[in-house]
Amino acid sequence: MGYLQEARENHVKKKVEEALRSKMKQKALKECDVLCSKYAECARGRTFSVVWTCRKQAKELNSCLHQFCCCY
């Protein structure tokens, strides 16, 4: 197998992987919509304090996202 052939195959694999990751991310966000909304509501109007004030909501959201997607 030549270098160009290998480079093309790697490019195609990368495109397929990106498309799959995008679909998984969309599904995860859809499945975790309620928790995403709760985190967004907690974070609204905050800046630095969001880190410790919304820690519980962030952990719940991340747990949900990890169930459906390896992207987070």
PDB file of N, CA and C in Angstrom:
ATOM      1  N   MET A   1       0.858  -1.171   0.000  1.00  0.00           N
ATOM      2  CA  MET A   1       0.000   0.000   0.000  1.00  0.00           C
ATOM      3  C   MET A   1       0.903   1.234   0.000  1.00  0.00           C
ATOM      4  N   GLY A   2       0.606   2.133  -0.899  1.00  0.00           N
ATOM      5  CA  GLY A   2       1.413   3.339  -1.011  1.00  0.00           C
ATOM      6  C   GLY A   2       1.040   4.370   0.032  1.00  0.00           C
ATOM      7  N   TYR A   3       1.897   5.360   0.113  1.00  0.00           N
ATOM      8  CA  TYR A   3       1.698   6.431   1.092  1.00  0.00           C
ATOM      9  C   TYR A   3       0.398   7.181   0.834  1.00  0.00           C
ATOM     10  N   LEU A   4       0.122   7.513  -0.449  1.00  0.00           N
ATOM     11  CA  LEU A   4      -1.100   8.258  -0.777  1.00  0.00           C
ATOM     12  C   LEU A   4      -2.354   7.460  -0.437  1.00  0.00           C
ATOM     13  N   GLN A   5      -2.343   6.191  -0.738  1.00  0.00           N
ATOM     14  CA  GLN A   5      -3.486   5.317  -0.425  1.00  0.00           C
ATOM     15  C   GLN A   5      -3.732   5.285   1.082  1.00  0.00           C
ATOM     16  N   GLU A   6      -2.668   5.139   1.817  1.00  0.00           N
ATOM     17  CA  GLU A   6      -2.778   5.099   3.287  1.00  0.00           C
ATOM     18  C   GLU A   6      -3.284   6.431   3.834  1.00  0.00           C
ATOM     19  N   ALA A   7      -2.803   7.522   3.279  1.00  0.00           N
ATOM     20  CA  ALA A   7      -3.236   8.855   3.715  1.00  0.00           C
ATOM     21  C   ALA A   7      -4.722   9.047   3.429  1.00  0.00           C
ATOM     22  N   ARG A   8      -5.192   8.581   2.267  1.00  0.00           N
ATOM     23  CA  ARG A   8      -6.625   8.695   1.925  1.00  0.00           C
ATOM     24  C   ARG A   8      -7.480   7.878   2.881  1.00  0.00           C
ATOM     25  N   GLU A   9      -7.054   6.680   3.172  1.00  0.00           N
ATOM     26  CA  GLU A   9      -7.809   5.820   4.088  1.00  0.00           C
ATOM     27  C   GLU A   9      -7.881   6.421   5.483  1.00  0.00           C
ATOM     28  N   ASN A  10      -6.782   6.975   5.948  1.00  0.00           N
ATOM     29  CA  ASN A  10      -6.771   7.620   7.263  1.00  0.00           C
ATOM     30  C   ASN A  10      -7.703   8.820   7.275  1.00  0.00           C
ATOM     31  N   HIS A  11      -7.744   9.561   6.165  1.00  0.00           N
ATOM     32  CA  HIS A  11      -8.619  10.730   6.074  1.00  0.00           C
ATOM     33  C   HIS A  11     -10.083  10.297   6.139  1.00  0.00           C
ATOM     34  N   VAL A  12     -10.415   9.235   5.395  1.00  0.00           N
ATOM     35  CA  VAL A  12     -11.787   8.722   5.399  1.00  0.00           C
ATOM     36  C   VAL A  12     -12.157   8.226   6.794  1.00  0.00           C
ATOM     37  N   LYS A  13     -11.266   7.498   7.427  1.00  0.00           N
ATOM     38  CA  LYS A  13     -11.534   7.007   8.783  1.00  0.00           C
ATOM     39  C   LYS A  13     -11.789   8.161   9.730  1.00  0.00           C
ATOM     40  N   LYS A  14     -11.001   9.223   9.598  1.00  0.00           N
ATOM     41  CA  LYS A  14     -11.155  10.379  10.476  1.00  0.00           C
ATOM     42  C   LYS A  14     -12.508  11.053  10.248  1.00  0.00           C
ATOM     43  N   LYS A  15     -12.939  11.155   8.986  1.00  0.00           N
ATOM     44  CA  LYS A  15     -14.239  11.760   8.680  1.00  0.00           C
ATOM     45  C   LYS A  15     -15.382  10.919   9.254  1.00  0.00           C
ATOM     46  N   VAL A  16     -15.284   9.619   9.128  1.00  0.00           N
ATOM     47  CA  VAL A  16     -16.308   8.722   9.674  1.00  0.00           C
ATOM     48  C   VAL A  16     -16.346   8.842  11.194  1.00  0.00           C
ATOM     49  N   GLU A  17     -15.182   8.880  11.798  1.00  0.00           N
ATOM     50  CA  GLU A  17     -15.090   9.010  13.253  1.00  0.00           C
ATOM     51  C   GLU A  17     -15.696  10.329  13.715  1.00  0.00           C
ATOM     52  N   GLU A  18     -15.425  11.412  13.008  1.00  0.00           N
ATOM     53  CA  GLU A  18     -15.982  12.721  13.359  1.00  0.00           C
ATOM     54  C   GLU A  18     -17.507  12.718  13.241  1.00  0.00           C
ATOM     55  N   ALA A  19     -18.016  12.100  12.176  1.00  0.00           N
ATOM     56  CA  ALA A  19     -19.470  12.037  11.985  1.00  0.00           C
ATOM     57  C   ALA A  19     -20.130  11.217  13.090  1.00  0.00           C
ATOM     58  N   LEU A  20     -19.527  10.094  13.442  1.00  0.00           N
ATOM     59  CA  LEU A  20     -20.058   9.258  14.512  1.00  0.00           C
ATOM     60  C   LEU A  20     -20.036   9.992  15.846  1.00  0.00           C
ATOM     61  N   ARG A  21     -18.940  10.665  16.122  1.00  0.00           N
ATOM     62  CA  ARG A  21     -18.829  11.424  17.372  1.00  0.00           C
ATOM     63  C   ARG A  21     -19.882  12.522  17.431  1.00  0.00           C
ATOM     64  N   SER A  22     -20.122  13.188  16.318  1.00  0.00           N
ATOM     65  CA  SER A  22     -21.131  14.243  16.265  1.00  0.00           C
ATOM     66  C   SER A  22     -22.526  13.692  16.540  1.00  0.00           C
ATOM     67  N   LYS A  23     -22.858  12.544  15.944  1.00  0.00           N
ATOM     68  CA  LYS A  23     -24.168  11.922  16.179  1.00  0.00           C
ATOM     69  C   LYS A  23     -24.321  11.492  17.629  1.00  0.00           C
ATOM     70  N   MET A  24     -23.256  10.939  18.195  1.00  0.00           N
ATOM     71  CA  MET A  24     -23.308  10.512  19.596  1.00  0.00           C
ATOM     72  C   MET A  24     -23.503  11.712  20.511  1.00  0.00           C
ATOM     73  N   LYS A  25     -22.833  12.802  20.190  1.00  0.00           N
ATOM     74  CA  LYS A  25     -22.950  14.020  21.002  1.00  0.00           C
ATOM     75  C   LYS A  25     -24.375  14.569  20.941  1.00  0.00           C
ATOM     76  N   GLN A  26     -24.955  14.599  19.746  1.00  0.00           N
ATOM     77  CA  GLN A  26     -26.333  15.066  19.597  1.00  0.00           C
ATOM     78  C   GLN A  26     -27.298  14.211  20.399  1.00  0.00           C
ATOM     79  N   LYS A  27     -27.122  12.894  20.335  1.00  0.00           N
ATOM     80  CA  LYS A  27     -27.999  11.984  21.076  1.00  0.00           C
ATOM     81  C   LYS A  27     -27.845  12.201  22.582  1.00  0.00           C
ATOM     82  N   ALA A  28     -26.608  12.356  23.036  1.00  0.00           N
ATOM     83  CA  ALA A  28     -26.360  12.564  24.466  1.00  0.00           C
ATOM     84  C   ALA A  28     -27.020  13.842  24.950  1.00  0.00           C
ATOM     85  N   LEU A  29     -26.879  14.908  24.191  1.00  0.00           N
ATOM     86  CA  LEU A  29     -27.487  16.178  24.595  1.00  0.00           C
ATOM     87  C   LEU A  29     -29.011  16.080  24.602  1.00  0.00           C
ATOM     88  N   LYS A  30     -29.566  15.330  23.663  1.00  0.00           N
ATOM     89  CA  LYS A  30     -31.016  15.143  23.625  1.00  0.00           C
ATOM     90  C   LYS A  30     -31.489  14.337  24.833  1.00  0.00           C
ATOM     91  N   GLU A  31     -30.795  13.255  25.126  1.00  0.00           N
ATOM     92  CA  GLU A  31     -31.165  12.392  26.255  1.00  0.00           C
ATOM     93  C   GLU A  31     -31.013  13.101  27.600  1.00  0.00           C
ATOM     94  N   CYS A  32     -30.071  14.012  27.694  1.00  0.00           N
ATOM     95  CA  CYS A  32     -29.768  14.685  28.963  1.00  0.00           C
ATOM     96  C   CYS A  32     -30.301  16.117  28.996  1.00  0.00           C
ATOM     97  N   ASP A  33     -31.304  16.389  28.178  1.00  0.00           N
ATOM     98  CA  ASP A  33     -31.831  17.742  28.029  1.00  0.00           C
ATOM     99  C   ASP A  33     -32.302  18.348  29.350  1.00  0.00           C
ATOM    100  N   VAL A  34     -32.973  17.559  30.175  1.00  0.00           N
ATOM    101  CA  VAL A  34     -33.501  18.080  31.449  1.00  0.00           C
ATOM    102  C   VAL A  34     -32.350  18.520  32.359  1.00  0.00           C
ATOM    103  N   LEU A  35     -31.316  17.683  32.458  1.00  0.00           N
ATOM    104  CA  LEU A  35     -30.175  18.029  33.305  1.00  0.00           C
ATOM    105  C   LEU A  35     -29.392  19.196  32.731  1.00  0.00           C
ATOM    106  N   CYS A  36     -29.346  19.274  31.412  1.00  0.00           N
ATOM    107  CA  CYS A  36     -28.676  20.394  30.759  1.00  0.00           C
ATOM    108  C   CYS A  36     -29.396  21.708  31.100  1.00  0.00           C
ATOM    109  N   SER A  37     -30.711  21.667  31.082  1.00  0.00           N
ATOM    110  CA  SER A  37     -31.507  22.851  31.424  1.00  0.00           C
ATOM    111  C   SER A  37     -31.310  23.249  32.886  1.00  0.00           C
ATOM    112  N   LYS A  38     -31.247  22.253  33.776  1.00  0.00           N
ATOM    113  CA  LYS A  38     -31.025  22.546  35.191  1.00  0.00           C
ATOM    114  C   LYS A  38     -29.675  23.217  35.410  1.00  0.00           C
ATOM    115  N   TYR A  39     -28.647  22.714  34.719  1.00  0.00           N
ATOM    116  CA  TYR A  39     -27.307  23.312  34.842  1.00  0.00           C
ATOM    117  C   TYR A  39     -27.306  24.730  34.266  1.00  0.00           C
ATOM    118  N   ALA A  40     -27.946  24.908  33.124  1.00  0.00           N
ATOM    119  CA  ALA A  40     -28.006  26.233  32.502  1.00  0.00           C
ATOM    120  C   ALA A  40     -28.723  27.228  33.402  1.00  0.00           C
ATOM    121  N   GLU A  41     -29.804  26.780  34.028  1.00  0.00           N
ATOM    122  CA  GLU A  41     -30.551  27.658  34.940  1.00  0.00           C
ATOM    123  C   GLU A  41     -29.695  28.042  36.142  1.00  0.00           C
ATOM    124  N   CYS A  42     -28.966  27.088  36.688  1.00  0.00           N
ATOM    125  CA  CYS A  42     -28.091  27.365  37.820  1.00  0.00           C
ATOM    126  C   CYS A  42     -26.982  28.339  37.427  1.00  0.00           C
ATOM    127  N   ALA A  43     -26.461  28.179  36.216  1.00  0.00           N
ATOM    128  CA  ALA A  43     -25.326  28.990  35.766  1.00  0.00           C
ATOM    129  C   ALA A  43     -25.727  30.394  35.316  1.00  0.00           C
ATOM    130  N   ARG A  44     -27.003  30.584  35.034  1.00  0.00           N
ATOM    131  CA  ARG A  44     -27.466  31.874  34.520  1.00  0.00           C
ATOM    132  C   ARG A  44     -27.130  33.008  35.498  1.00  0.00           C
ATOM    133  N   GLY A  45     -26.461  34.019  34.973  1.00  0.00           N
ATOM    134  CA  GLY A  45     -26.132  35.200  35.767  1.00  0.00           C
ATOM    135  C   GLY A  45     -24.892  35.045  36.622  1.00  0.00           C
ATOM    136  N   ARG A  46     -24.216  33.949  36.551  1.00  0.00           N
ATOM    137  CA  ARG A  46     -23.011  33.716  37.351  1.00  0.00           C
ATOM    138  C   ARG A  46     -21.780  33.745  36.456  1.00  0.00           C
ATOM    139  N   THR A  47     -20.658  33.995  37.078  1.00  0.00           N
ATOM    140  CA  THR A  47     -19.390  33.919  36.342  1.00  0.00           C
ATOM    141  C   THR A  47     -18.516  32.868  37.011  1.00  0.00           C
ATOM    142  N   PHE A  48     -17.608  33.288  37.849  1.00  0.00           N
ATOM    143  CA  PHE A  48     -16.691  32.351  38.501  1.00  0.00           C
ATOM    144  C   PHE A  48     -17.384  31.450  39.516  1.00  0.00           C
ATOM    145  N   SER A  49     -18.425  31.958  40.150  1.00  0.00           N
ATOM    146  CA  SER A  49     -19.086  31.181  41.204  1.00  0.00           C
ATOM    147  C   SER A  49     -19.825  29.963  40.664  1.00  0.00           C
ATOM    148  N   VAL A  50     -20.023  29.895  39.347  1.00  0.00           N
ATOM    149  CA  VAL A  50     -20.722  28.742  38.762  1.00  0.00           C
ATOM    150  C   VAL A  50     -19.984  27.441  39.081  1.00  0.00           C
ATOM    151  N   VAL A  51     -18.669  27.502  39.235  1.00  0.00           N
ATOM    152  CA  VAL A  51     -17.862  26.312  39.482  1.00  0.00           C
ATOM    153  C   VAL A  51     -18.282  25.623  40.772  1.00  0.00           C
ATOM    154  N   TRP A  52     -18.430  26.352  41.840  1.00  0.00           N
ATOM    155  CA  TRP A  52     -18.786  25.719  43.115  1.00  0.00           C
ATOM    156  C   TRP A  52     -20.290  25.757  43.393  1.00  0.00           C
ATOM    157  N   THR A  53     -20.999  26.751  42.868  1.00  0.00           N
ATOM    158  CA  THR A  53     -22.436  26.839  43.128  1.00  0.00           C
ATOM    159  C   THR A  53     -23.212  25.754  42.382  1.00  0.00           C
ATOM    160  N   CYS A  54     -22.775  25.443  41.177  1.00  0.00           N
ATOM    161  CA  CYS A  54     -23.508  24.494  40.330  1.00  0.00           C
ATOM    162  C   CYS A  54     -22.779  23.154  40.207  1.00  0.00           C
ATOM    163  N   ARG A  55     -21.944  22.853  41.160  1.00  0.00           N
ATOM    164  CA  ARG A  55     -21.152  21.612  41.107  1.00  0.00           C
ATOM    165  C   ARG A  55     -22.044  20.373  41.025  1.00  0.00           C
ATOM    166  N   LYS A  56     -23.099  20.343  41.822  1.00  0.00           N
ATOM    167  CA  LYS A  56     -23.993  19.182  41.838  1.00  0.00           C
ATOM    168  C   LYS A  56     -24.642  18.989  40.463  1.00  0.00           C
ATOM    169  N   GLN A  57     -25.163  20.064  39.881  1.00  0.00           N
ATOM    170  CA  GLN A  57     -25.808  19.974  38.571  1.00  0.00           C
ATOM    171  C   GLN A  57     -24.800  19.566  37.487  1.00  0.00           C
ATOM    172  N   ALA A  58     -23.585  20.076  37.589  1.00  0.00           N
ATOM    173  CA  ALA A  58     -22.551  19.736  36.611  1.00  0.00           C
ATOM    174  C   ALA A  58     -22.198  18.251  36.678  1.00  0.00           C
ATOM    175  N   LYS A  59     -22.086  17.724  37.884  1.00  0.00           N
ATOM    176  CA  LYS A  59     -21.764  16.300  38.037  1.00  0.00           C
ATOM    177  C   LYS A  59     -22.893  15.419  37.504  1.00  0.00           C
ATOM    178  N   GLU A  60     -24.131  15.791  37.784  1.00  0.00           N
ATOM    179  CA  GLU A  60     -25.268  15.031  37.283  1.00  0.00           C
ATOM    180  C   GLU A  60     -25.307  15.062  35.757  1.00  0.00           C
ATOM    181  N   LEU A  61     -25.072  16.225  35.176  1.00  0.00           N
ATOM    182  CA  LEU A  61     -25.070  16.366  33.720  1.00  0.00           C
ATOM    183  C   LEU A  61     -23.943  15.544  33.103  1.00  0.00           C
ATOM    184  N   ASN A  62     -22.750  15.632  33.660  1.00  0.00           N
ATOM    185  CA  ASN A  62     -21.623  14.870  33.123  1.00  0.00           C
ATOM    186  C   ASN A  62     -21.847  13.370  33.218  1.00  0.00           C
ATOM    187  N   SER A  63     -22.437  12.924  34.313  1.00  0.00           N
ATOM    188  CA  SER A  63     -22.737  11.494  34.450  1.00  0.00           C
ATOM    189  C   SER A  63     -23.695  11.035  33.362  1.00  0.00           C
ATOM    190  N   CYS A  64     -24.709  11.830  33.113  1.00  0.00           N
ATOM    191  CA  CYS A  64     -25.677  11.500  32.072  1.00  0.00           C
ATOM    192  C   CYS A  64     -25.004  11.493  30.701  1.00  0.00           C
ATOM    193  N   LEU A  65     -24.229  12.509  30.405  1.00  0.00           N
ATOM    194  CA  LEU A  65     -23.565  12.598  29.100  1.00  0.00           C
ATOM    195  C   LEU A  65     -22.612  11.423  28.869  1.00  0.00           C
ATOM    196  N   HIS A  66     -21.923  11.005  29.896  1.00  0.00           N
ATOM    197  CA  HIS A  66     -20.989   9.887  29.758  1.00  0.00           C
ATOM    198  C   HIS A  66     -21.710   8.556  29.471  1.00  0.00           C
ATOM    199  N   GLN A  67     -22.961   8.457  29.857  1.00  0.00           N
ATOM    200  CA  GLN A  67     -23.730   7.245  29.559  1.00  0.00           C
ATOM    201  C   GLN A  67     -23.990   7.098  28.059  1.00  0.00           C
ATOM    202  N   PHE A  68     -24.120   8.234  27.379  1.00  0.00           N
ATOM    203  CA  PHE A  68     -24.509   8.210  25.976  1.00  0.00           C
ATOM    204  C   PHE A  68     -23.399   8.565  25.008  1.00  0.00           C
ATOM    205  N   CYS A  69     -22.323   9.102  25.516  1.00  0.00           N
ATOM    206  CA  CYS A  69     -21.299   9.593  24.605  1.00  0.00           C
ATOM    207  C   CYS A  69     -19.928   9.580  25.282  1.00  0.00           C
ATOM    208  N   CYS A  70     -18.931   9.239  24.502  1.00  0.00           N
ATOM    209  CA  CYS A  70     -17.565   9.252  25.039  1.00  0.00           C
ATOM    210  C   CYS A  70     -16.902  10.607  24.805  1.00  0.00           C
ATOM    211  N   CYS A  71     -17.670  11.612  24.378  1.00  0.00           N
ATOM    212  CA  CYS A  71     -17.105  12.897  23.951  1.00  0.00           C
ATOM    213  C   CYS A  71     -16.876  13.884  25.079  1.00  0.00           C
ATOM    214  N   TYR A  72     -17.361  13.592  26.256  1.00  0.00           N
ATOM    215  CA  TYR A  72     -17.296  14.587  27.327  1.00  0.00           C
ATOM    216  C   TYR A  72     -16.322  14.188  28.388  1.00  0.00           C
TER     217      TYR A  72
END
